[in-house]
Amino acid sequence: MLTRRHRSEPTLVRLPPVYQAALDHLSLRTRVRKSEYIREALVDLLAQYEDLLVGDATQSTDSP
């Protein structure tokens, strides 16, 4: 399973306006950062497709 590294890498995520508004509203109501919701969703997605990532996780991202 993939785990979080100690340092985060910055990533730009563009959302449709409807999703952005919903995420803004949820964040205001729950006082949880939007970035935390996005991380949680990504963790869930990667867990769902973990069987596809098993072979890829052992390969280095530095090689061409």
C-alpha atoms as a PDB file:
ATOM      1  CA  MET A   1       0.000   0.000   0.000  1.00  0.00           C
ATOM      2  CA  LEU A   2       1.164   3.517  -0.702  1.00  0.00           C
ATOM      3  CA  THR A   3       1.872   5.688   2.304  1.00  0.00           C
ATOM      4  CA  ARG A   4       2.303   9.407   2.698  1.00  0.00           C
ATOM      5  CA  ARG A   5       5.808  10.742   2.625  1.00  0.00           C
ATOM      6  CA  HIS A   6       6.912  13.226   5.216  1.00  0.00           C
ATOM      7  CA  ARG A   7       7.104  16.031   2.640  1.00  0.00           C
ATOM      8  CA  SER A   8       4.208  16.829   0.389  1.00  0.00           C
ATOM      9  CA  GLU A   9       4.646  17.712  -3.256  1.00  0.00           C
ATOM     10  CA  PRO A  10       2.614  20.661  -4.509  1.00  0.00           C
ATOM     11  CA  THR A  11       0.003  19.752  -7.099  1.00  0.00           C
ATOM     12  CA  LEU A  12      -2.491  21.952  -8.891  1.00  0.00           C
ATOM     13  CA  VAL A  13      -5.992  20.506  -9.042  1.00  0.00           C
ATOM     14  CA  ARG A  14      -8.561  22.164 -11.278  1.00  0.00           C
ATOM     15  CA  LEU A  15     -12.171  21.479 -10.380  1.00  0.00           C
ATOM     16  CA  PRO A  16     -15.411  22.286 -12.174  1.00  0.00           C
ATOM     17  CA  PRO A  17     -17.126  25.276 -10.523  1.00  0.00           C
ATOM     18  CA  VAL A  18     -19.913  23.098  -9.113  1.00  0.00           C
ATOM     19  CA  TYR A  19     -17.397  20.834  -7.345  1.00  0.00           C
ATOM     20  CA  GLN A  20     -15.416  23.831  -6.126  1.00  0.00           C
ATOM     21  CA  ALA A  21     -18.540  25.422  -4.638  1.00  0.00           C
ATOM     22  CA  ALA A  22     -19.560  22.162  -2.951  1.00  0.00           C
ATOM     23  CA  LEU A  23     -16.065  21.664  -1.558  1.00  0.00           C
ATOM     24  CA  ASP A  24     -15.983  25.274  -0.309  1.00  0.00           C
ATOM     25  CA  HIS A  25     -19.340  24.827   1.403  1.00  0.00           C
ATOM     26  CA  LEU A  26     -18.332  21.514   2.985  1.00  0.00           C
ATOM     27  CA  SER A  27     -15.063  22.998   4.210  1.00  0.00           C
ATOM     28  CA  LEU A  28     -16.820  25.986   5.785  1.00  0.00           C
ATOM     29  CA  ARG A  29     -19.439  23.812   7.472  1.00  0.00           C
ATOM     30  CA  THR A  30     -16.983  21.231   8.837  1.00  0.00           C
ATOM     31  CA  ARG A  31     -13.924  23.478   9.313  1.00  0.00           C
ATOM     32  CA  VAL A  32     -11.791  20.839   7.570  1.00  0.00           C
ATOM     33  CA  ARG A  33      -9.350  22.076   4.934  1.00  0.00           C
ATOM     34  CA  LYS A  34     -10.255  21.439   1.315  1.00  0.00           C
ATOM     35  CA  SER A  35      -6.816  19.946   0.732  1.00  0.00           C
ATOM     36  CA  GLU A  36      -7.524  17.327   3.399  1.00  0.00           C
ATOM     37  CA  TYR A  37     -10.721  16.260   1.626  1.00  0.00           C
ATOM     38  CA  ILE A  38      -8.827  15.998  -1.667  1.00  0.00           C
ATOM     39  CA  ARG A  39      -6.092  13.898  -0.014  1.00  0.00           C
ATOM     40  CA  GLU A  40      -8.715  11.622   1.544  1.00  0.00           C
ATOM     41  CA  ALA A  41     -10.424  11.136  -1.823  1.00  0.00           C
ATOM     42  CA  LEU A  42      -7.093  10.338  -3.475  1.00  0.00           C
ATOM     43  CA  VAL A  43      -6.196   7.801  -0.790  1.00  0.00           C
ATOM     44  CA  ASP A  44      -9.576   6.099  -1.316  1.00  0.00           C
ATOM     45  CA  LEU A  45      -9.098   6.056  -5.100  1.00  0.00           C
ATOM     46  CA  LEU A  46      -5.580   4.621  -4.890  1.00  0.00           C
ATOM     47  CA  ALA A  47      -6.752   1.971  -2.425  1.00  0.00           C
ATOM     48  CA  GLN A  48      -9.506   1.003  -4.870  1.00  0.00           C
ATOM     49  CA  TYR A  49      -6.960   0.505  -7.671  1.00  0.00           C
ATOM     50  CA  GLU A  50      -4.131  -0.803  -5.513  1.00  0.00           C
ATOM     51  CA  ASP A  51      -3.990  -4.096  -7.431  1.00  0.00           C
ATOM     52  CA  LEU A  52      -3.057  -2.148 -10.577  1.00  0.00           C
ATOM     53  CA  LEU A  53      -0.303  -0.251  -8.757  1.00  0.00           C
ATOM     54  CA  VAL A  54       1.472  -3.221  -7.171  1.00  0.00           C
ATOM     55  CA  GLY A  55       3.885  -3.740 -10.076  1.00  0.00           C
ATOM     56  CA  ASP A  56       4.332  -0.019 -10.701  1.00  0.00           C
ATOM     57  CA  ALA A  57       5.169   0.841  -7.087  1.00  0.00           C
ATOM     58  CA  THR A  58       8.431  -1.116  -7.205  1.00  0.00           C
ATOM     59  CA  GLN A  59       9.700   0.747 -10.262  1.00  0.00           C
ATOM     60  CA  SER A  60      11.647   3.953  -9.803  1.00  0.00           C
ATOM     61  CA  THR A  61      10.099   7.171 -11.089  1.00  0.00           C
ATOM     62  CA  ASP A  62      13.600   8.434 -11.959  1.00  0.00           C
ATOM     63  CA  SER A  63      14.096   6.019 -14.846  1.00  0.00           C
ATOM     64  CA  PRO A  64      12.873   7.070 -18.327  1.00  0.00           C
END
